[in-house]
C-alpha atoms as a PDB file:
ATOM      1  CA  MET A   1    -128.100 -19.723  10.395  1.00  0.00           C
ATOM      2  CA  LEU A   2    -129.778 -20.355  13.734  1.00  0.00           C
ATOM      3  CA  THR A   3    -127.414 -20.576  16.688  1.00  0.00           C
ATOM      4  CA  GLN A   4    -127.630 -23.379  19.224  1.00  0.00           C
ATOM      5  CA  ASP A   5    -129.168 -21.171  21.874  1.00  0.00           C
ATOM      6  CA  ASN A   6    -131.901 -20.196  19.395  1.00  0.00           C
ATOM      7  CA  LEU A   7    -131.401 -16.506  20.117  1.00  0.00           C
ATOM      8  CA  LEU A   8    -129.568 -15.259  17.014  1.00  0.00           C
ATOM      9  CA  ILE A   9    -130.245 -15.590  13.312  1.00  0.00           C
ATOM     10  CA  GLU A  10    -127.872 -14.688  10.490  1.00  0.00           C
ATOM     11  CA  LYS A  11    -129.358 -13.284   7.272  1.00  0.00           C
ATOM     12  CA  GLN A  12    -127.722 -12.161   4.068  1.00  0.00           C
ATOM     13  CA  TYR A  13    -128.865  -8.763   2.792  1.00  0.00           C
ATOM     14  CA  ASN A  14    -127.077  -6.806   0.048  1.00  0.00           C
ATOM     15  CA  ASN A  15    -124.126  -9.236   0.368  1.00  0.00           C
ATOM     16  CA  LYS A  16    -123.827  -8.463   4.092  1.00  0.00           C
ATOM     17  CA  ILE A  17    -124.361 -10.888   6.973  1.00  0.00           C
ATOM     18  CA  ILE A  18    -126.784  -9.382   9.475  1.00  0.00           C
ATOM     19  CA  LYS A  19    -127.262 -10.914  12.907  1.00  0.00           C
ATOM     20  CA  SER A  20    -130.634 -10.355  14.518  1.00  0.00           C
ATOM     21  CA  LYS A  21    -132.157 -11.406  17.803  1.00  0.00           C
ATOM     22  CA  ILE A  22    -135.211 -13.649  17.707  1.00  0.00           C
ATOM     23  CA  ILE A  23    -138.024 -13.040  20.134  1.00  0.00           C
ATOM     24  CA  GLU A  24    -139.234 -16.540  20.873  1.00  0.00           C
ATOM     25  CA  VAL A  25    -143.019 -16.703  20.872  1.00  0.00           C
ATOM     26  CA  ILE A  26    -144.530 -18.907  23.567  1.00  0.00           C
ATOM     27  CA  GLU A  27    -147.834 -20.540  22.721  1.00  0.00           C
ATOM     28  CA  MET A  28    -150.549 -19.622  25.235  1.00  0.00           C
ATOM     29  CA  ILE A  29    -153.959 -20.986  26.169  1.00  0.00           C
ATOM     30  CA  ASP A  30    -156.414 -19.051  28.334  1.00  0.00           C
ATOM     31  CA  THR A  31    -158.268 -21.903  30.028  1.00  0.00           C
ATOM     32  CA  HIS A  32    -161.341 -20.049  31.324  1.00  0.00           C
ATOM     33  CA  ILE A  33    -163.080 -17.041  29.787  1.00  0.00           C
ATOM     34  CA  HIS A  34    -166.644 -15.879  29.134  1.00  0.00           C
ATOM     35  CA  ALA A  35    -166.521 -14.913  25.479  1.00  0.00           C
ATOM     36  CA  ASP A  36    -170.178 -13.941  25.319  1.00  0.00           C
ATOM     37  CA  ALA A  37    -169.451 -10.961  27.586  1.00  0.00           C
ATOM     38  CA  ARG A  38    -166.445  -9.654  25.641  1.00  0.00           C
ATOM     39  CA  THR A  39    -165.854  -7.648  22.471  1.00  0.00           C
ATOM     40  CA  GLY A  40    -164.017  -8.505  19.297  1.00  0.00           C
ATOM     41  CA  GLU A  41    -161.380  -5.969  20.306  1.00  0.00           C
ATOM     42  CA  ASP A  42    -160.589  -8.115  23.349  1.00  0.00           C
ATOM     43  CA  PHE A  43    -160.135 -11.196  21.167  1.00  0.00           C
ATOM     44  CA  ASN A  44    -157.868  -9.244  18.849  1.00  0.00           C
ATOM     45  CA  GLU A  45    -155.692  -8.037  21.730  1.00  0.00           C
ATOM     46  CA  MET A  46    -155.482 -11.566  23.134  1.00  0.00           C
ATOM     47  CA  TYR A  47    -154.413 -12.970  19.774  1.00  0.00           C
ATOM     48  CA  LEU A  48    -151.802 -10.276  19.184  1.00  0.00           C
ATOM     49  CA  SER A  49    -150.436 -10.934  22.688  1.00  0.00           C
ATOM     50  CA  GLY A  50    -149.844 -14.599  21.904  1.00  0.00           C
ATOM     51  CA  ILE A  51    -153.031 -16.397  22.942  1.00  0.00           C
ATOM     52  CA  ASP A  52    -153.917 -18.967  20.301  1.00  0.00           C
ATOM     53  CA  VAL A  53    -156.633 -20.931  22.114  1.00  0.00           C
ATOM     54  CA  ALA A  54    -159.173 -20.059  24.806  1.00  0.00           C
ATOM     55  CA  VAL A  55    -161.835 -22.075  26.610  1.00  0.00           C
ATOM     56  CA  THR A  56    -165.109 -20.235  27.076  1.00  0.00           C
ATOM     57  CA  CYS A  57    -167.437 -21.335  29.865  1.00  0.00           C
ATOM     58  CA  ALA A  58    -171.153 -21.028  30.496  1.00  0.00           C
ATOM     59  CA  TYR A  59    -172.341 -18.310  32.842  1.00  0.00           C
ATOM     60  CA  TYR A  60    -175.570 -16.356  32.541  1.00  0.00           C
ATOM     61  CA  PRO A  61    -175.191 -13.233  34.713  1.00  0.00           C
ATOM     62  CA  TYR A  62    -178.872 -12.957  35.656  1.00  0.00           C
ATOM     63  CA  LYS A  63    -181.126 -15.247  37.644  1.00  0.00           C
ATOM     64  CA  ILE A  64    -183.490 -17.145  35.358  1.00  0.00           C
ATOM     65  CA  ASP A  65    -185.956 -19.950  35.932  1.00  0.00           C
ATOM     66  CA  ASN A  66    -186.520 -21.086  32.364  1.00  0.00           C
ATOM     67  CA  ASP A  67    -184.547 -23.889  30.698  1.00  0.00           C
ATOM     68  CA  THR A  68    -185.286 -22.612  27.194  1.00  0.00           C
ATOM     69  CA  ILE A  69    -183.811 -19.173  27.890  1.00  0.00           C
ATOM     70  CA  LEU A  70    -180.678 -20.756  29.318  1.00  0.00           C
ATOM     71  CA  LEU A  71    -180.436 -23.180  26.392  1.00  0.00           C
ATOM     72  CA  ASN A  72    -180.669 -20.275  23.936  1.00  0.00           C
ATOM     73  CA  HIS A  73    -177.806 -18.592  25.747  1.00  0.00           C
ATOM     74  CA  LEU A  74    -175.676 -21.745  25.616  1.00  0.00           C
ATOM     75  CA  MET A  75    -176.409 -22.196  21.917  1.00  0.00           C
ATOM     76  CA  ARG A  76    -175.336 -18.598  21.314  1.00  0.00           C
ATOM     77  CA  ILE A  77    -171.946 -19.394  22.899  1.00  0.00           C
ATOM     78  CA  LEU A  78    -171.547 -22.528  20.819  1.00  0.00           C
ATOM     79  CA  ASN A  79    -172.663 -21.179  17.461  1.00  0.00           C
ATOM     80  CA  TYR A  80    -171.995 -17.422  17.551  1.00  0.00           C
ATOM     81  CA  ASP A  81    -169.185 -16.581  19.954  1.00  0.00           C
ATOM     82  CA  THR A  82    -166.905 -19.228  18.469  1.00  0.00           C
ATOM     83  CA  LYS A  83    -167.249 -17.489  15.095  1.00  0.00           C
ATOM     84  CA  ARG A  84    -166.627 -14.056  16.609  1.00  0.00           C
ATOM     85  CA  ALA A  85    -163.421 -15.260  18.243  1.00  0.00           C
ATOM     86  CA  ASP A  86    -162.271 -17.019  15.081  1.00  0.00           C
ATOM     87  CA  GLU A  87    -162.570 -13.765  13.138  1.00  0.00           C
ATOM     88  CA  HIS A  88    -159.806 -12.401  15.366  1.00  0.00           C
ATOM     89  CA  GLY A  89    -157.570 -15.485  15.304  1.00  0.00           C
ATOM     90  CA  ILE A  90    -158.682 -17.184  18.528  1.00  0.00           C
ATOM     91  CA  ASP A  91    -159.514 -20.885  18.409  1.00  0.00           C
ATOM     92  CA  LEU A  92    -162.360 -20.837  20.918  1.00  0.00           C
ATOM     93  CA  LYS A  93    -163.109 -24.147  22.630  1.00  0.00           C
ATOM     94  CA  VAL A  94    -166.420 -24.452  24.465  1.00  0.00           C
ATOM     95  CA  ALA A  95    -167.509 -25.698  27.895  1.00  0.00           C
ATOM     96  CA  LEU A  96    -171.238 -25.697  28.590  1.00  0.00           C
ATOM     97  CA  GLY A  97    -173.379 -26.501  31.605  1.00  0.00           C
ATOM     98  CA  ILE A  98    -175.393 -24.960  34.391  1.00  0.00           C
ATOM     99  CA  HIS A  99    -173.443 -22.436  36.457  1.00  0.00           C
ATOM    100  CA  PRO A 100    -174.438 -22.379  40.158  1.00  0.00           C
ATOM    101  CA  THR A 101    -175.826 -18.872  39.627  1.00  0.00           C
ATOM    102  CA  ASN A 102    -178.359 -20.371  37.190  1.00  0.00           C
ATOM    103  CA  THR A 103    -179.634 -23.254  39.306  1.00  0.00           C
ATOM    104  CA  ASN A 104    -183.172 -21.877  39.467  1.00  0.00           C
ATOM    105  CA  VAL A 105    -183.863 -23.778  36.245  1.00  0.00           C
ATOM    106  CA  ASP A 106    -185.291 -27.282  36.106  1.00  0.00           C
ATOM    107  CA  GLY A 107    -182.257 -28.510  34.191  1.00  0.00           C
ATOM    108  CA  LYS A 108    -183.680 -31.443  32.230  1.00  0.00           C
ATOM    109  CA  LEU A 109    -183.490 -29.701  28.852  1.00  0.00           C
ATOM    110  CA  ILE A 110    -179.870 -28.767  29.489  1.00  0.00           C
ATOM    111  CA  TYR A 111    -178.966 -32.314  30.546  1.00  0.00           C
ATOM    112  CA  GLU A 112    -180.461 -33.688  27.321  1.00  0.00           C
ATOM    113  CA  ASN A 113    -178.393 -31.285  25.265  1.00  0.00           C
ATOM    114  CA  LEU A 114    -175.226 -31.987  27.236  1.00  0.00           C
ATOM    115  CA  TYR A 115    -175.393 -35.591  26.052  1.00  0.00           C
ATOM    116  CA  LYS A 116    -175.827 -34.386  22.451  1.00  0.00           C
ATOM    117  CA  TRP A 117    -172.975 -31.881  22.643  1.00  0.00           C
ATOM    118  CA  ILE A 118    -170.674 -34.476  24.155  1.00  0.00           C
ATOM    119  CA  GLU A 119    -171.594 -37.093  21.553  1.00  0.00           C
ATOM    120  CA  ASN A 120    -171.021 -34.582  18.739  1.00  0.00           C
ATOM    121  CA  LYS A 121    -167.752 -33.404  20.336  1.00  0.00           C
ATOM    122  CA  ASP A 122    -169.064 -29.850  20.391  1.00  0.00           C
ATOM    123  CA  ILE A 123    -167.698 -29.209  23.873  1.00  0.00           C
ATOM    124  CA  VAL A 124    -164.412 -29.930  25.629  1.00  0.00           C
ATOM    125  CA  ALA A 125    -165.895 -29.873  29.141  1.00  0.00           C
ATOM    126  CA  ILE A 126    -169.016 -29.409  31.220  1.00  0.00           C
ATOM    127  CA  GLY A 127    -168.623 -26.056  32.884  1.00  0.00           C
ATOM    128  CA  GLU A 128    -168.431 -24.059  34.603  1.00  0.00           C
ATOM    129  CA  ILE A 129    -170.343 -25.866  37.328  1.00  0.00           C
ATOM    130  CA  GLY A 130    -170.068 -25.929  41.090  1.00  0.00           C
ATOM    131  CA  LEU A 131    -171.481 -24.341  44.216  1.00  0.00           C
ATOM    132  CA  GLU A 132    -172.013 -20.714  45.222  1.00  0.00           C
ATOM    133  CA  ASN A 133    -174.551 -20.271  48.044  1.00  0.00           C
ATOM    134  CA  LEU A 134    -174.870 -23.934  49.063  1.00  0.00           C
ATOM    135  CA  THR A 135    -178.576 -24.175  48.260  1.00  0.00           C
ATOM    136  CA  GLU A 136    -180.309 -27.510  47.898  1.00  0.00           C
ATOM    137  CA  LYS A 137    -180.880 -26.900  44.186  1.00  0.00           C
ATOM    138  CA  GLU A 138    -177.197 -26.085  43.647  1.00  0.00           C
ATOM    139  CA  TYR A 139    -176.206 -29.409  45.199  1.00  0.00           C
ATOM    140  CA  GLU A 140    -178.729 -31.292  43.063  1.00  0.00           C
ATOM    141  CA  ILE A 141    -177.678 -29.752  39.738  1.00  0.00           C
ATOM    142  CA  PHE A 142    -173.980 -29.943  40.541  1.00  0.00           C
ATOM    143  CA  LYS A 143    -174.154 -33.642  41.367  1.00  0.00           C
ATOM    144  CA  LYS A 144    -176.234 -34.416  38.279  1.00  0.00           C
ATOM    145  CA  GLN A 145    -173.711 -32.752  35.983  1.00  0.00           C
ATOM    146  CA  LEU A 146    -170.845 -34.585  37.672  1.00  0.00           C
ATOM    147  CA  ASP A 147    -172.676 -37.850  37.062  1.00  0.00           C
ATOM    148  CA  ILE A 148    -173.125 -37.008  33.375  1.00  0.00           C
ATOM    149  CA  ALA A 149    -169.426 -36.172  33.136  1.00  0.00           C
ATOM    150  CA  GLN A 150    -168.381 -39.436  34.748  1.00  0.00           C
ATOM    151  CA  GLU A 151    -170.779 -41.454  32.594  1.00  0.00           C
ATOM    152  CA  THR A 152    -169.499 -39.857  29.388  1.00  0.00           C
ATOM    153  CA  LYS A 153    -165.877 -39.492  30.515  1.00  0.00           C
ATOM    154  CA  THR A 154    -166.037 -35.731  30.019  1.00  0.00           C
ATOM    155  CA  ASN A 155    -163.939 -33.093  31.760  1.00  0.00           C
ATOM    156  CA  VAL A 156    -165.537 -30.639  34.185  1.00  0.00           C
ATOM    157  CA  ILE A 157    -164.533 -27.082  35.053  1.00  0.00           C
ATOM    158  CA  ILE A 158    -165.540 -26.415  38.648  1.00  0.00           C
ATOM    159  CA  HIS A 159    -166.296 -22.937  39.937  1.00  0.00           C
ATOM    160  CA  THR A 160    -165.320 -21.793  43.427  1.00  0.00           C
ATOM    161  CA  PRO A 161    -166.849 -18.496  44.578  1.00  0.00           C
ATOM    162  CA  ARG A 162    -165.248 -15.206  45.544  1.00  0.00           C
ATOM    163  CA  LYS A 163    -167.044 -15.155  48.887  1.00  0.00           C
ATOM    164  CA  ASN A 164    -166.871 -17.973  51.424  1.00  0.00           C
ATOM    165  CA  LYS A 165    -164.455 -19.780  49.099  1.00  0.00           C
ATOM    166  CA  SER A 166    -162.886 -22.025  51.730  1.00  0.00           C
ATOM    167  CA  ALA A 167    -166.165 -23.351  53.147  1.00  0.00           C
ATOM    168  CA  VAL A 168    -167.669 -23.902  49.693  1.00  0.00           C
ATOM    169  CA  LEU A 169    -164.502 -25.663  48.533  1.00  0.00           C
ATOM    170  CA  ASP A 170    -164.791 -27.997  51.518  1.00  0.00           C
ATOM    171  CA  GLU A 171    -168.267 -28.980  50.347  1.00  0.00           C
ATOM    172  CA  ILE A 172    -167.065 -29.508  46.790  1.00  0.00           C
ATOM    173  CA  LEU A 173    -164.256 -31.736  48.003  1.00  0.00           C
ATOM    174  CA  LYS A 174    -166.759 -33.870  49.911  1.00  0.00           C
ATOM    175  CA  ILE A 175    -168.948 -34.332  46.835  1.00  0.00           C
ATOM    176  CA  LEU A 176    -166.385 -34.991  44.117  1.00  0.00           C
ATOM    177  CA  PRO A 177    -165.123 -38.447  45.229  1.00  0.00           C
ATOM    178  CA  GLN A 178    -168.709 -39.755  45.267  1.00  0.00           C
ATOM    179  CA  HIS A 179    -169.419 -38.763  41.668  1.00  0.00           C
ATOM    180  CA  ILE A 180    -166.356 -38.415  39.437  1.00  0.00           C
ATOM    181  CA  SER A 181    -162.767 -39.509  38.907  1.00  0.00           C
ATOM    182  CA  PRO A 182    -160.116 -36.839  39.598  1.00  0.00           C
ATOM    183  CA  GLU A 183    -158.646 -37.140  36.101  1.00  0.00           C
ATOM    184  CA  TYR A 184    -161.681 -35.320  34.659  1.00  0.00           C
ATOM    185  CA  VAL A 185    -161.679 -32.413  37.129  1.00  0.00           C
ATOM    186  CA  VAL A 186    -160.180 -28.940  37.224  1.00  0.00           C
ATOM    187  CA  ILE A 187    -161.073 -26.935  40.323  1.00  0.00           C
ATOM    188  CA  ASP A 188    -160.858 -23.301  39.290  1.00  0.00           C
ATOM    189  CA  HIS A 189    -160.185 -19.929  40.918  1.00  0.00           C
ATOM    190  CA  ILE A 190    -157.784 -21.415  43.471  1.00  0.00           C
ATOM    191  CA  ASN A 191    -155.847 -18.803  45.420  1.00  0.00           C
ATOM    192  CA  SER A 192    -153.217 -18.677  48.154  1.00  0.00           C
ATOM    193  CA  ASN A 193    -155.880 -18.900  50.874  1.00  0.00           C
ATOM    194  CA  VAL A 194    -157.105 -22.340  49.791  1.00  0.00           C
ATOM    195  CA  VAL A 195    -154.305 -23.922  47.775  1.00  0.00           C
ATOM    196  CA  GLU A 196    -153.180 -26.039  50.741  1.00  0.00           C
ATOM    197  CA  LYS A 197    -156.588 -27.745  50.775  1.00  0.00           C
ATOM    198  CA  VAL A 198    -156.124 -29.124  47.255  1.00  0.00           C
ATOM    199  CA  ILE A 199    -152.426 -29.266  46.418  1.00  0.00           C
ATOM    200  CA  ASP A 200    -152.076 -32.874  47.547  1.00  0.00           C
ATOM    201  CA  THR A 201    -155.195 -34.080  45.721  1.00  0.00           C
ATOM    202  CA  ASP A 202    -155.232 -35.572  42.229  1.00  0.00           C
ATOM    203  CA  TYR A 203    -157.309 -32.716  40.784  1.00  0.00           C
ATOM    204  CA  THR A 204    -156.017 -30.206  38.264  1.00  0.00           C
ATOM    205  CA  LEU A 205    -156.128 -26.667  39.674  1.00  0.00           C
ATOM    206  CA  GLY A 206    -156.974 -23.386  37.943  1.00  0.00           C
ATOM    207  CA  LEU A 207    -155.314 -20.057  38.732  1.00  0.00           C
ATOM    208  CA  THR A 208    -157.364 -16.995  37.780  1.00  0.00           C
ATOM    209  CA  VAL A 209    -155.483 -13.729  37.335  1.00  0.00           C
ATOM    210  CA  GLN A 210    -158.220 -11.128  37.441  1.00  0.00           C
ATOM    211  CA  PRO A 211    -158.834  -7.797  39.187  1.00  0.00           C
ATOM    212  CA  GLN A 212    -160.573  -8.397  42.547  1.00  0.00           C
ATOM    213  CA  LYS A 213    -159.515 -12.073  42.511  1.00  0.00           C
ATOM    214  CA  MET A 214    -155.750 -12.530  42.222  1.00  0.00           C
ATOM    215  CA  ASP A 215    -152.886 -10.581  40.684  1.00  0.00           C
ATOM    216  CA  LYS A 216    -150.057 -12.081  38.659  1.00  0.00           C
ATOM    217  CA  LEU A 217    -147.578 -11.925  41.542  1.00  0.00           C
ATOM    218  CA  GLU A 218    -149.807 -14.041  43.785  1.00  0.00           C
ATOM    219  CA  ALA A 219    -150.201 -16.584  40.975  1.00  0.00           C
ATOM    220  CA  ILE A 220    -146.428 -16.636  40.447  1.00  0.00           C
ATOM    221  CA  ASP A 221    -145.868 -17.091  44.173  1.00  0.00           C
ATOM    222  CA  ILE A 222    -148.166 -20.141  44.148  1.00  0.00           C
ATOM    223  CA  LEU A 223    -146.296 -21.610  41.175  1.00  0.00           C
ATOM    224  CA  ASP A 224    -142.955 -20.924  42.825  1.00  0.00           C
ATOM    225  CA  ASN A 225    -144.027 -22.643  46.040  1.00  0.00           C
ATOM    226  CA  TYR A 226    -145.983 -25.598  44.653  1.00  0.00           C
ATOM    227  CA  GLY A 227    -144.557 -26.192  41.183  1.00  0.00           C
ATOM    228  CA  PHE A 228    -146.109 -25.939  37.732  1.00  0.00           C
ATOM    229  CA  ASP A 229    -147.370 -29.480  37.143  1.00  0.00           C
ATOM    230  CA  LYS A 230    -150.892 -29.246  38.595  1.00  0.00           C
ATOM    231  CA  PHE A 231    -152.001 -25.826  37.378  1.00  0.00           C
ATOM    232  CA  LEU A 232    -153.852 -24.185  34.501  1.00  0.00           C
ATOM    233  CA  LEU A 233    -153.836 -20.403  33.972  1.00  0.00           C
ATOM    234  CA  ASN A 234    -156.755 -18.194  32.994  1.00  0.00           C
ATOM    235  CA  SER A 235    -158.156 -14.663  32.969  1.00  0.00           C
ATOM    236  CA  ASP A 236    -161.861 -15.454  33.579  1.00  0.00           C
ATOM    237  CA  ILE A 237    -162.753 -12.353  31.557  1.00  0.00           C
ATOM    238  CA  SER A 238    -166.475 -11.707  31.920  1.00  0.00           C
ATOM    239  CA  ASN A 239    -168.927  -8.894  32.555  1.00  0.00           C
ATOM    240  CA  LYS A 240    -167.034  -8.122  35.769  1.00  0.00           C
ATOM    241  CA  PRO A 241    -163.727  -6.202  36.047  1.00  0.00           C
ATOM    242  CA  SER A 242    -161.305  -8.193  33.881  1.00  0.00           C
ATOM    243  CA  ASP A 243    -158.002  -8.067  32.040  1.00  0.00           C
ATOM    244  CA  PRO A 244    -158.024  -9.982  28.734  1.00  0.00           C
ATOM    245  CA  LEU A 245    -154.209  -9.920  28.748  1.00  0.00           C
ATOM    246  CA  SER A 246    -153.662 -11.281  32.256  1.00  0.00           C
ATOM    247  CA  VAL A 247    -152.405 -14.636  30.939  1.00  0.00           C
ATOM    248  CA  PRO A 248    -149.677 -13.210  28.651  1.00  0.00           C
ATOM    249  CA  LYS A 249    -148.745 -10.671  31.327  1.00  0.00           C
ATOM    250  CA  THR A 250    -148.229 -13.481  33.824  1.00  0.00           C
ATOM    251  CA  ILE A 251    -146.254 -15.592  31.344  1.00  0.00           C
ATOM    252  CA  ARG A 252    -144.035 -12.663  30.407  1.00  0.00           C
ATOM    253  CA  GLU A 253    -143.424 -11.875  34.080  1.00  0.00           C
ATOM    254  CA  LEU A 254    -142.388 -15.494  34.699  1.00  0.00           C
ATOM    255  CA  THR A 255    -139.964 -15.167  31.784  1.00  0.00           C
ATOM    256  CA  ARG A 256    -138.592 -11.848  33.059  1.00  0.00           C
ATOM    257  CA  LEU A 257    -138.031 -13.350  36.506  1.00  0.00           C
ATOM    258  CA  GLY A 258    -135.960 -16.150  35.014  1.00  0.00           C
ATOM    259  CA  PHE A 259    -138.157 -19.185  35.625  1.00  0.00           C
ATOM    260  CA  ASN A 260    -137.263 -22.300  33.665  1.00  0.00           C
ATOM    261  CA  LYS A 261    -138.676 -22.243  30.139  1.00  0.00           C
ATOM    262  CA  LYS A 262    -139.963 -25.821  30.324  1.00  0.00           C
ATOM    263  CA  GLU A 263    -141.830 -24.967  33.520  1.00  0.00           C
ATOM    264  CA  ILE A 264    -143.297 -21.820  31.979  1.00  0.00           C
ATOM    265  CA  ASN A 265    -144.493 -23.810  28.974  1.00  0.00           C
ATOM    266  CA  LYS A 266    -146.438 -26.095  31.298  1.00  0.00           C
ATOM    267  CA  ILE A 267    -148.565 -23.259  32.639  1.00  0.00           C
ATOM    268  CA  ALA A 268    -148.661 -21.427  29.302  1.00  0.00           C
ATOM    269  CA  PHE A 269    -150.099 -24.295  27.262  1.00  0.00           C
ATOM    270  CA  LYS A 270    -148.795 -27.819  27.880  1.00  0.00           C
ATOM    271  CA  ASN A 271    -150.885 -28.595  30.973  1.00  0.00           C
ATOM    272  CA  ALA A 272    -154.002 -27.340  29.207  1.00  0.00           C
ATOM    273  CA  GLU A 273    -153.268 -29.382  26.088  1.00  0.00           C
ATOM    274  CA  LYS A 274    -152.882 -32.482  28.235  1.00  0.00           C
ATOM    275  CA  PHE A 275    -155.982 -31.926  30.385  1.00  0.00           C
ATOM    276  CA  PHE A 276    -158.342 -30.968  27.564  1.00  0.00           C
ATOM    277  CA  ASN A 277    -156.694 -33.328  25.070  1.00  0.00           C
ATOM    278  CA  PHE A 278    -156.268 -30.588  22.461  1.00  0.00           C
END
């Protein structure tokens, strides 16, 4: 018999009534990872820690100037890494596009395939895209991908850099209203230094808990100060220092600190389900 507070269960065993505590499992979605850079062991740990779904984004860690090489990398994410994650219980959703680090390419071959992936519902977003060093080519490719997203009514995951974040974010905020509706946009890697710039906008905001970016206490402080409604939570695990369990660690810390369960569920999975239409 389950009690009203959902914390105790009564079971009959050898004609005895045994009362046991239930540990309530919170569904979790990691909204931004780079699965191609991680091992199966990471996926297994994420799954065992309560992550059911993750969104993997495009990022090629080396400078390339060839569309075909980049396309091969994106196809690997779509066709291979999804299977690797599934073997360990993770439902891996895919976002593809041209990361600002990879804007040395021409881009036309990628644009053609974006339309195909969107039509076939292979991807849940174009991403991650954005600006890094504010080069002319970055602006051109960023704007083109925003236009494709608006035309096809597709979500975008927008990168903000570690360095010069505030100035680059200012440029992004100038560009977005000219190319895409806010309902399709998540601006990622927001931290306490820039949150005031975007909290009153209509964009969804991503919090990245990752070594060298932001720890869980800073993320919790942002949620405490600005509420849970606008935010997604992610680990951004990649080839750089990362913690594949940063999302469950943050959720568990929110629980330990006594935050409202309904609010925790928003950042754990409900906001992501709504934004990505899972």
